Structure formats: C-alpha cells, structure tokens
Amino acid sequence: MLLNLKIYKIISFLLLIDIIAIVWFLTIGDKIGLLISAILFLTFLTMQVFLVKCSNCGTRPGLWILAIWTLFLDFELYFADTVLLKACPKCEFDLHKT
C-alpha cells in the first residue's frame, strides 16, 4: 500500500507537469502536442483514481477527492489533497497502515 501511495504522489506531480505542457501547447498552437498531452492527462488521472483503495471502507480516495474538488471547481486544492494524501477522505483511516 505504501508503494501505491508513493506512485500516487508521483502521478500527481506528472499531472501538474502535464497541465503546464497543455498550456504551453495551447500557447504555441501545436495541436498534435496538445492532443498527446491531453491523452496523457486523462491516462494519468485514470491511473491515479484507481491506484489506491482504502483497506478500511473500500473507498477509492483518488476518485473521492476528484469528485469533491471537481464539484467545487477548485483544482488547486485537488492537487494539494492528492500530494498530501495520508488518510481516507471518507472514513479518515490512515492509508499508511496495511
């Protein structure tokens, strides 16, 4: 589980870098680079959502956090929560315990 959390945080960092790449490709008008970056973004997001599962309640914290912060349209807090993920957002169970 601890390895999954480390991979989860690495993917969070890659998502942030990919958003910068998307903005860059939009700025210079490169449609192929934009398409590749968008596909990578969706791939990273899907991997992140399904990577970690709470052993206490069975919730997927990545999906839970994505749903909450998408409803509030606050993507900065989404990235902060994914990088600092230590407990399940639903049951507050420590995810570092196995």
C-alpha atoms as a PDB file:
ATOM      1  CA  MET A   1       0.000   0.000   0.000  1.00  0.00           C
ATOM      2  CA  LEU A   2       2.848   2.369   0.830  1.00  0.00           C
ATOM      3  CA  LEU A   3       4.348   1.849  -2.633  1.00  0.00           C
ATOM      4  CA  ASN A   4       0.978   2.659  -4.196  1.00  0.00           C
ATOM      5  CA  LEU A   5       0.856   5.936  -2.240  1.00  0.00           C
ATOM      6  CA  LYS A   6       4.316   6.892  -3.495  1.00  0.00           C
ATOM      7  CA  ILE A   7       3.327   6.098  -7.079  1.00  0.00           C
ATOM      8  CA  TYR A   8       0.106   8.072  -6.486  1.00  0.00           C
ATOM      9  CA  LYS A   9       2.109  11.134  -5.456  1.00  0.00           C
ATOM     10  CA  ILE A  10       4.483  10.783  -8.426  1.00  0.00           C
ATOM     11  CA  ILE A  11       1.489  10.668 -10.751  1.00  0.00           C
ATOM     12  CA  SER A  12       0.161  13.829  -9.058  1.00  0.00           C
ATOM     13  CA  PHE A  13       3.415  15.572  -9.923  1.00  0.00           C
ATOM     14  CA  LEU A  14       3.231  14.284 -13.515  1.00  0.00           C
ATOM     15  CA  LEU A  15      -0.319  15.632 -13.791  1.00  0.00           C
ATOM     16  CA  LEU A  16       0.884  19.060 -12.747  1.00  0.00           C
ATOM     17  CA  ILE A  17       3.718  18.972 -15.296  1.00  0.00           C
ATOM     18  CA  ASP A  18       1.266  17.791 -17.953  1.00  0.00           C
ATOM     19  CA  ILE A  19      -1.059  20.731 -17.260  1.00  0.00           C
ATOM     20  CA  ILE A  20       1.895  23.042 -17.846  1.00  0.00           C
ATOM     21  CA  ALA A  21       2.585  21.210 -21.123  1.00  0.00           C
ATOM     22  CA  ILE A  22      -1.064  21.570 -22.177  1.00  0.00           C
ATOM     23  CA  VAL A  23      -0.960  25.318 -21.552  1.00  0.00           C
ATOM     24  CA  TRP A  24       2.332  25.555 -23.453  1.00  0.00           C
ATOM     25  CA  PHE A  25       0.970  23.681 -26.488  1.00  0.00           C
ATOM     26  CA  LEU A  26      -2.163  25.836 -26.419  1.00  0.00           C
ATOM     27  CA  THR A  27       0.025  28.940 -26.362  1.00  0.00           C
ATOM     28  CA  ILE A  28       2.162  27.958 -29.333  1.00  0.00           C
ATOM     29  CA  GLY A  29      -0.749  26.402 -31.254  1.00  0.00           C
ATOM     30  CA  ASP A  30       0.676  22.882 -31.564  1.00  0.00           C
ATOM     31  CA  LYS A  31      -2.384  20.678 -31.979  1.00  0.00           C
ATOM     32  CA  ILE A  32      -0.527  17.349 -32.032  1.00  0.00           C
ATOM     33  CA  GLY A  33       1.379  18.170 -28.835  1.00  0.00           C
ATOM     34  CA  LEU A  34      -1.873  19.311 -27.243  1.00  0.00           C
ATOM     35  CA  LEU A  35      -3.615  16.081 -28.216  1.00  0.00           C
ATOM     36  CA  ILE A  36      -0.775  13.940 -26.843  1.00  0.00           C
ATOM     37  CA  SER A  37      -0.679  15.954 -23.606  1.00  0.00           C
ATOM     38  CA  ALA A  38      -4.461  15.695 -23.197  1.00  0.00           C
ATOM     39  CA  ILE A  39      -4.347  11.921 -23.698  1.00  0.00           C
ATOM     40  CA  LEU A  40      -1.511  11.658 -21.165  1.00  0.00           C
ATOM     41  CA  PHE A  41      -3.501  13.802 -18.737  1.00  0.00           C
ATOM     42  CA  LEU A  42      -6.526  11.509 -18.958  1.00  0.00           C
ATOM     43  CA  THR A  43      -4.301   8.437 -18.626  1.00  0.00           C
ATOM     44  CA  PHE A  44      -2.524   9.786 -15.542  1.00  0.00           C
ATOM     45  CA  LEU A  45      -5.816  10.869 -13.996  1.00  0.00           C
ATOM     46  CA  THR A  46      -7.367   7.431 -14.558  1.00  0.00           C
ATOM     47  CA  MET A  47      -4.308   5.700 -13.091  1.00  0.00           C
ATOM     48  CA  GLN A  48      -4.388   7.981 -10.072  1.00  0.00           C
ATOM     49  CA  VAL A  49      -8.085   7.469  -9.436  1.00  0.00           C
ATOM     50  CA  PHE A  50      -7.877   3.676  -9.370  1.00  0.00           C
ATOM     51  CA  LEU A  51      -4.422   3.161  -7.833  1.00  0.00           C
ATOM     52  CA  VAL A  52      -5.163   3.469  -4.095  1.00  0.00           C
ATOM     53  CA  LYS A  53      -8.002   1.726  -2.263  1.00  0.00           C
ATOM     54  CA  CYS A  54      -8.822   2.215   1.428  1.00  0.00           C
ATOM     55  CA  SER A  55      -8.438  -1.086   3.271  1.00  0.00           C
ATOM     56  CA  ASN A  56     -10.953   0.016   5.919  1.00  0.00           C
ATOM     57  CA  CYS A  57     -14.010   1.104   3.911  1.00  0.00           C
ATOM     58  CA  GLY A  58     -13.074   0.130   0.338  1.00  0.00           C
ATOM     59  CA  THR A  59     -13.323   3.686  -0.995  1.00  0.00           C
ATOM     60  CA  ARG A  60     -11.003   4.871  -3.734  1.00  0.00           C
ATOM     61  CA  PRO A  61      -9.604   8.124  -2.254  1.00  0.00           C
ATOM     62  CA  GLY A  62      -8.436   9.409  -5.643  1.00  0.00           C
ATOM     63  CA  LEU A  63     -11.942   9.173  -7.076  1.00  0.00           C
ATOM     64  CA  TRP A  64     -13.467  10.638  -3.921  1.00  0.00           C
ATOM     65  CA  ILE A  65     -11.112  13.656  -3.939  1.00  0.00           C
ATOM     66  CA  LEU A  66     -11.569  14.177  -7.688  1.00  0.00           C
ATOM     67  CA  ALA A  67     -15.355  14.190  -7.320  1.00  0.00           C
ATOM     68  CA  ILE A  68     -15.343  16.612  -4.385  1.00  0.00           C
ATOM     69  CA  TRP A  69     -12.968  19.184  -5.884  1.00  0.00           C
ATOM     70  CA  THR A  70     -14.474  18.949  -9.370  1.00  0.00           C
ATOM     71  CA  LEU A  71     -17.864  19.858  -7.914  1.00  0.00           C
ATOM     72  CA  PHE A  72     -16.324  22.887  -6.220  1.00  0.00           C
ATOM     73  CA  LEU A  73     -14.190  23.694  -9.320  1.00  0.00           C
ATOM     74  CA  ASP A  74     -11.104  24.118  -7.177  1.00  0.00           C
ATOM     75  CA  PHE A  75      -8.287  22.265  -8.901  1.00  0.00           C
ATOM     76  CA  GLU A  76      -5.533  23.824  -6.776  1.00  0.00           C
ATOM     77  CA  LEU A  77      -6.957  22.147  -3.689  1.00  0.00           C
ATOM     78  CA  TYR A  78      -7.335  18.920  -5.682  1.00  0.00           C
ATOM     79  CA  PHE A  79      -3.583  18.854  -6.315  1.00  0.00           C
ATOM     80  CA  ALA A  80      -2.852  19.790  -2.707  1.00  0.00           C
ATOM     81  CA  ASP A  81      -5.058  16.945  -1.451  1.00  0.00           C
ATOM     82  CA  THR A  82      -3.543  14.406  -3.815  1.00  0.00           C
ATOM     83  CA  VAL A  83       0.021  15.310  -2.884  1.00  0.00           C
ATOM     84  CA  LEU A  84      -0.734  15.377   0.857  1.00  0.00           C
ATOM     85  CA  LEU A  85      -2.986  12.284   0.863  1.00  0.00           C
ATOM     86  CA  LYS A  86      -2.458  10.493   4.175  1.00  0.00           C
ATOM     87  CA  ALA A  87      -5.945   9.448   5.244  1.00  0.00           C
ATOM     88  CA  CYS A  88      -9.082   8.272   3.520  1.00  0.00           C
ATOM     89  CA  PRO A  89     -11.338  11.298   2.932  1.00  0.00           C
ATOM     90  CA  LYS A  90     -14.445   9.238   3.708  1.00  0.00           C
ATOM     91  CA  CYS A  91     -13.564   7.348   6.906  1.00  0.00           C
ATOM     92  CA  GLU A  92     -10.348   9.145   7.990  1.00  0.00           C
ATOM     93  CA  PHE A  93      -8.465   5.808   8.103  1.00  0.00           C
ATOM     94  CA  ASP A  94      -4.666   6.187   7.896  1.00  0.00           C
ATOM     95  CA  LEU A  95      -3.705   4.916   4.435  1.00  0.00           C
ATOM     96  CA  HIS A  96      -0.139   4.175   5.513  1.00  0.00           C
ATOM     97  CA  LYS A  97      -1.404   1.262   7.611  1.00  0.00           C
ATOM     98  CA  THR A  98      -1.909  -2.005   5.784  1.00  0.00           C
END
